[in-house]
Amino acid sequence: MDKKKAYLFCKFLHTEMKKIDEDKWYEGERRKNDPGQEYIVDWINKNAKNWREAWEASKCQHCSFWMYCGHNLKKECDNFKFDEKENETGEKEEENKHTKE
């Protein structure tokens, strides 16, 4: 996996974990107790596929503010700012390919 794909995958995992934690907290508030690890497994089984599809369709995956609001998965956002780290990781990978040849 190249560095850009690895960076995007780390962003995806971070935002998915944030969403799971947020949903778990809301469920705990509703129940008035901690739903535990089984809630997390259940969330993954029920939501992971749709979450990935929504992530891939959202602008959040390419936004520099992804850590703050990426778990909201917006297709359009007034606060969108392209994440320059994506270019940096991609450019470095390209430089490495050319120097190895």
N, C-alpha and C. Protein backbone atom coordinates (compact mmCIF):
# COMPACT_ATOMS: atom_id res chain seq x y z
N MET A 1 0.86 -1.18 0.00
CA MET A 1 0.00 0.00 0.00
C MET A 1 0.90 1.24 0.00
N ASP A 2 0.62 2.16 -0.92
CA ASP A 2 1.44 3.37 -0.95
C ASP A 2 1.06 4.30 0.21
N LYS A 3 1.87 5.31 0.42
CA LYS A 3 1.68 6.18 1.58
C LYS A 3 0.38 6.96 1.53
N LYS A 4 -0.03 7.39 0.34
CA LYS A 4 -1.28 8.15 0.22
C LYS A 4 -2.47 7.27 0.60
N LYS A 5 -2.51 6.04 0.08
CA LYS A 5 -3.60 5.13 0.42
C LYS A 5 -3.59 4.80 1.91
N ALA A 6 -2.41 4.61 2.47
CA ALA A 6 -2.30 4.32 3.90
C ALA A 6 -2.81 5.50 4.73
N TYR A 7 -2.47 6.71 4.31
CA TYR A 7 -2.94 7.91 5.00
C TYR A 7 -4.46 8.01 4.95
N LEU A 8 -5.03 7.79 3.77
CA LEU A 8 -6.49 7.84 3.63
C LEU A 8 -7.16 6.75 4.45
N PHE A 9 -6.55 5.57 4.50
CA PHE A 9 -7.12 4.48 5.29
C PHE A 9 -7.08 4.80 6.78
N CYS A 10 -6.01 5.41 7.24
CA CYS A 10 -5.94 5.82 8.66
C CYS A 10 -7.01 6.86 8.98
N LYS A 11 -7.24 7.79 8.06
CA LYS A 11 -8.30 8.78 8.24
C LYS A 11 -9.66 8.09 8.34
N PHE A 12 -9.89 7.13 7.46
CA PHE A 12 -11.14 6.38 7.46
C PHE A 12 -11.34 5.67 8.80
N LEU A 13 -10.33 4.93 9.25
CA LEU A 13 -10.46 4.19 10.52
C LEU A 13 -10.70 5.12 11.69
N HIS A 14 -9.99 6.23 11.73
CA HIS A 14 -10.15 7.18 12.83
C HIS A 14 -11.57 7.73 12.88
N THR A 15 -12.10 8.13 11.73
CA THR A 15 -13.45 8.70 11.71
C THR A 15 -14.51 7.64 12.01
N GLU A 16 -14.28 6.42 11.53
CA GLU A 16 -15.24 5.35 11.83
C GLU A 16 -15.26 5.06 13.33
N MET A 17 -14.10 5.02 13.95
CA MET A 17 -14.05 4.78 15.40
C MET A 17 -14.72 5.92 16.16
N LYS A 18 -14.53 7.15 15.68
CA LYS A 18 -15.17 8.29 16.33
C LYS A 18 -16.69 8.19 16.22
N LYS A 19 -17.18 7.78 15.07
CA LYS A 19 -18.63 7.62 14.87
C LYS A 19 -19.18 6.51 15.76
N ILE A 20 -18.47 5.39 15.84
CA ILE A 20 -18.91 4.29 16.70
C ILE A 20 -18.96 4.76 18.15
N ASP A 21 -17.92 5.45 18.60
CA ASP A 21 -17.90 5.96 19.99
C ASP A 21 -19.05 6.92 20.26
N GLU A 22 -19.32 7.80 19.28
CA GLU A 22 -20.42 8.76 19.45
C GLU A 22 -21.75 8.03 19.53
N ASP A 23 -21.99 7.10 18.61
CA ASP A 23 -23.24 6.34 18.62
C ASP A 23 -23.38 5.51 19.90
N LYS A 24 -22.28 4.94 20.35
CA LYS A 24 -22.29 4.15 21.59
C LYS A 24 -22.63 5.04 22.79
N TRP A 25 -22.10 6.25 22.80
CA TRP A 25 -22.39 7.17 23.89
C TRP A 25 -23.88 7.51 23.91
N TYR A 26 -24.43 7.83 22.71
CA TYR A 26 -25.87 8.14 22.64
C TYR A 26 -26.72 6.95 23.09
N GLU A 27 -26.33 5.76 22.69
CA GLU A 27 -27.07 4.56 23.10
C GLU A 27 -26.97 4.37 24.61
N GLY A 28 -25.81 4.62 25.17
CA GLY A 28 -25.63 4.52 26.63
C GLY A 28 -26.50 5.53 27.37
N GLU A 29 -26.60 6.73 26.83
CA GLU A 29 -27.47 7.74 27.43
C GLU A 29 -28.93 7.30 27.37
N ARG A 30 -29.31 6.73 26.25
CA ARG A 30 -30.70 6.27 26.09
C ARG A 30 -31.01 5.15 27.09
N ARG A 31 -30.07 4.21 27.22
CA ARG A 31 -30.28 3.06 28.11
C ARG A 31 -30.00 3.37 29.58
N LYS A 32 -29.26 4.42 29.81
CA LYS A 32 -28.80 4.79 31.16
C LYS A 32 -27.73 3.82 31.69
N ASN A 33 -27.02 3.16 30.76
CA ASN A 33 -25.85 2.35 31.13
C ASN A 33 -25.00 2.13 29.88
N ASP A 34 -23.78 1.68 30.09
CA ASP A 34 -22.83 1.45 29.00
C ASP A 34 -23.26 0.21 28.21
N PRO A 35 -23.47 0.35 26.88
CA PRO A 35 -23.87 -0.81 26.10
C PRO A 35 -22.74 -1.83 25.87
N GLY A 36 -21.51 -1.47 26.19
CA GLY A 36 -20.39 -2.42 26.16
C GLY A 36 -19.86 -2.75 24.77
N GLN A 37 -18.94 -3.71 24.76
CA GLN A 37 -18.27 -4.12 23.54
C GLN A 37 -19.24 -4.74 22.53
N GLU A 38 -20.27 -5.38 23.01
CA GLU A 38 -21.20 -6.02 22.08
C GLU A 38 -21.90 -4.98 21.19
N TYR A 39 -22.08 -3.77 21.71
CA TYR A 39 -22.66 -2.70 20.88
C TYR A 39 -21.73 -2.39 19.71
N ILE A 40 -20.43 -2.35 19.97
CA ILE A 40 -19.45 -2.04 18.92
C ILE A 40 -19.48 -3.12 17.84
N VAL A 41 -19.46 -4.38 18.24
CA VAL A 41 -19.51 -5.48 17.28
C VAL A 41 -20.81 -5.41 16.48
N ASP A 42 -21.91 -5.15 17.16
CA ASP A 42 -23.21 -5.05 16.49
C ASP A 42 -23.21 -3.88 15.50
N TRP A 43 -22.63 -2.74 15.90
CA TRP A 43 -22.56 -1.57 15.01
C TRP A 43 -21.77 -1.93 13.75
N ILE A 44 -20.64 -2.58 13.92
CA ILE A 44 -19.82 -2.96 12.77
C ILE A 44 -20.59 -3.89 11.84
N ASN A 45 -21.24 -4.89 12.41
CA ASN A 45 -22.00 -5.84 11.59
C ASN A 45 -23.14 -5.16 10.83
N LYS A 46 -23.79 -4.19 11.47
CA LYS A 46 -24.94 -3.54 10.84
C LYS A 46 -24.58 -2.35 9.95
N ASN A 47 -23.48 -1.66 10.26
CA ASN A 47 -23.23 -0.37 9.62
C ASN A 47 -21.94 -0.22 8.82
N ALA A 48 -21.00 -1.12 8.97
CA ALA A 48 -19.67 -0.92 8.39
C ALA A 48 -19.70 -0.75 6.86
N LYS A 49 -20.48 -1.57 6.18
CA LYS A 49 -20.54 -1.48 4.71
C LYS A 49 -21.09 -0.13 4.27
N ASN A 50 -22.21 0.27 4.86
CA ASN A 50 -22.80 1.57 4.51
C ASN A 50 -21.89 2.73 4.91
N TRP A 51 -21.20 2.58 6.04
CA TRP A 51 -20.29 3.63 6.49
C TRP A 51 -19.18 3.83 5.45
N ARG A 52 -18.58 2.74 4.98
CA ARG A 52 -17.50 2.85 4.00
C ARG A 52 -18.00 3.51 2.71
N GLU A 53 -19.17 3.12 2.25
CA GLU A 53 -19.73 3.70 1.03
C GLU A 53 -19.99 5.20 1.22
N ALA A 54 -20.52 5.57 2.37
CA ALA A 54 -20.79 6.99 2.64
C ALA A 54 -19.48 7.77 2.76
N TRP A 55 -18.47 7.17 3.37
CA TRP A 55 -17.15 7.80 3.49
C TRP A 55 -16.57 8.06 2.10
N GLU A 56 -16.63 7.07 1.23
CA GLU A 56 -16.07 7.21 -0.10
C GLU A 56 -16.81 8.25 -0.93
N ALA A 57 -18.09 8.49 -0.64
CA ALA A 57 -18.88 9.48 -1.37
C ALA A 57 -18.77 10.87 -0.75
N SER A 58 -18.20 10.98 0.44
CA SER A 58 -18.16 12.27 1.14
C SER A 58 -16.91 13.07 0.78
N LYS A 59 -17.01 14.36 1.00
CA LYS A 59 -15.85 15.23 0.84
C LYS A 59 -14.91 15.12 2.03
N CYS A 60 -15.42 14.58 3.11
CA CYS A 60 -14.67 14.53 4.36
C CYS A 60 -13.33 13.81 4.23
N GLN A 61 -13.28 12.80 3.37
CA GLN A 61 -12.06 12.02 3.25
C GLN A 61 -10.90 12.85 2.69
N HIS A 62 -11.20 13.96 2.02
CA HIS A 62 -10.15 14.79 1.44
C HIS A 62 -10.03 16.16 2.11
N CYS A 63 -10.69 16.33 3.25
CA CYS A 63 -10.72 17.62 3.93
C CYS A 63 -9.69 17.68 5.06
N SER A 64 -9.10 18.85 5.24
CA SER A 64 -8.12 19.00 6.30
C SER A 64 -8.76 19.05 7.69
N PHE A 65 -10.07 19.22 7.77
CA PHE A 65 -10.77 19.25 9.05
C PHE A 65 -11.39 17.91 9.42
N TRP A 66 -10.99 16.83 8.75
CA TRP A 66 -11.58 15.51 8.93
C TRP A 66 -11.60 15.04 10.38
N MET A 67 -10.60 15.41 11.18
CA MET A 67 -10.55 14.94 12.58
C MET A 67 -11.67 15.54 13.42
N TYR A 68 -12.16 16.69 13.01
CA TYR A 68 -13.18 17.38 13.81
C TYR A 68 -14.60 17.00 13.42
N CYS A 69 -14.84 16.87 12.13
CA CYS A 69 -16.23 16.63 11.71
C CYS A 69 -16.36 15.57 10.63
N GLY A 70 -15.30 14.85 10.32
CA GLY A 70 -15.33 13.84 9.27
C GLY A 70 -16.33 12.73 9.50
N HIS A 71 -16.65 12.47 10.77
CA HIS A 71 -17.61 11.41 11.08
C HIS A 71 -19.04 11.78 10.68
N ASN A 72 -19.25 13.04 10.26
CA ASN A 72 -20.58 13.46 9.81
C ASN A 72 -20.82 13.12 8.34
N LEU A 73 -19.77 12.80 7.61
CA LEU A 73 -19.84 12.34 6.21
C LEU A 73 -20.68 13.23 5.30
N LYS A 74 -20.25 14.44 5.13
CA LYS A 74 -20.98 15.38 4.28
C LYS A 74 -20.51 15.29 2.83
N LYS A 75 -21.47 15.37 1.91
CA LYS A 75 -21.12 15.41 0.49
C LYS A 75 -20.75 16.82 0.07
N GLU A 76 -21.31 17.81 0.74
CA GLU A 76 -20.99 19.22 0.52
C GLU A 76 -20.77 19.87 1.88
N CYS A 77 -19.81 20.79 1.96
CA CYS A 77 -19.50 21.43 3.24
C CYS A 77 -18.92 22.81 3.00
N ASP A 78 -19.46 23.80 3.68
CA ASP A 78 -18.96 25.18 3.55
C ASP A 78 -17.56 25.33 4.12
N ASN A 79 -17.17 24.45 5.03
CA ASN A 79 -15.86 24.54 5.68
C ASN A 79 -14.78 23.69 5.01
N PHE A 80 -15.10 23.08 3.87
CA PHE A 80 -14.16 22.17 3.21
C PHE A 80 -12.87 22.90 2.84
N LYS A 81 -11.77 22.25 3.17
CA LYS A 81 -10.44 22.72 2.76
C LYS A 81 -9.62 21.48 2.44
N PHE A 82 -9.09 21.40 1.22
CA PHE A 82 -8.36 20.21 0.80
C PHE A 82 -7.20 19.93 1.74
N ASP A 83 -7.04 18.68 2.11
CA ASP A 83 -5.98 18.24 3.01
C ASP A 83 -4.68 18.15 2.23
N GLU A 84 -3.79 19.10 2.44
CA GLU A 84 -2.52 19.17 1.71
C GLU A 84 -1.60 17.99 2.03
N LYS A 85 -1.81 17.33 3.16
CA LYS A 85 -0.99 16.16 3.49
C LYS A 85 -1.16 15.05 2.47
N GLU A 86 -2.33 14.98 1.84
CA GLU A 86 -2.55 13.98 0.79
C GLU A 86 -1.59 14.20 -0.36
N ASN A 87 -1.43 15.45 -0.78
CA ASN A 87 -0.49 15.76 -1.85
C ASN A 87 0.93 15.44 -1.44
N GLU A 88 1.28 15.78 -0.20
CA GLU A 88 2.64 15.53 0.28
C GLU A 88 2.97 14.05 0.24
N THR A 89 2.07 13.20 0.73
CA THR A 89 2.34 11.77 0.75
C THR A 89 2.39 11.22 -0.67
N GLY A 90 1.52 11.70 -1.55
CA GLY A 90 1.52 11.24 -2.94
C GLY A 90 2.75 11.69 -3.69
N GLU A 91 3.17 12.95 -3.48
CA GLU A 91 4.36 13.47 -4.16
C GLU A 91 5.61 12.74 -3.70
N LYS A 92 5.72 12.48 -2.42
CA LYS A 92 6.89 11.77 -1.90
C LYS A 92 6.97 10.37 -2.49
N GLU A 93 5.81 9.72 -2.63
CA GLU A 93 5.77 8.38 -3.21
C GLU A 93 6.24 8.44 -4.67
N GLU A 94 5.79 9.44 -5.41
CA GLU A 94 6.21 9.59 -6.81
C GLU A 94 7.71 9.86 -6.90
N GLU A 95 8.24 10.70 -6.01
CA GLU A 95 9.68 10.99 -6.00
C GLU A 95 10.47 9.72 -5.76
N ASN A 96 10.02 8.91 -4.81
CA ASN A 96 10.71 7.67 -4.49
C ASN A 96 10.70 6.72 -5.68
N LYS A 97 9.60 6.67 -6.43
CA LYS A 97 9.52 5.79 -7.60
C LYS A 97 10.56 6.21 -8.65
N HIS A 98 10.68 7.53 -8.86
CA HIS A 98 11.59 8.02 -9.88
C HIS A 98 13.06 7.85 -9.46
N THR A 99 13.37 7.99 -8.21
CA THR A 99 14.76 7.83 -7.77
C THR A 99 15.20 6.39 -7.75
N LYS A 100 14.25 5.46 -7.64
CA LYS A 100 14.59 4.04 -7.63
C LYS A 100 14.85 3.51 -9.04
N GLU A 101 14.30 4.20 -10.05
CA GLU A 101 14.42 3.72 -11.43
C GLU A 101 15.76 4.01 -12.03
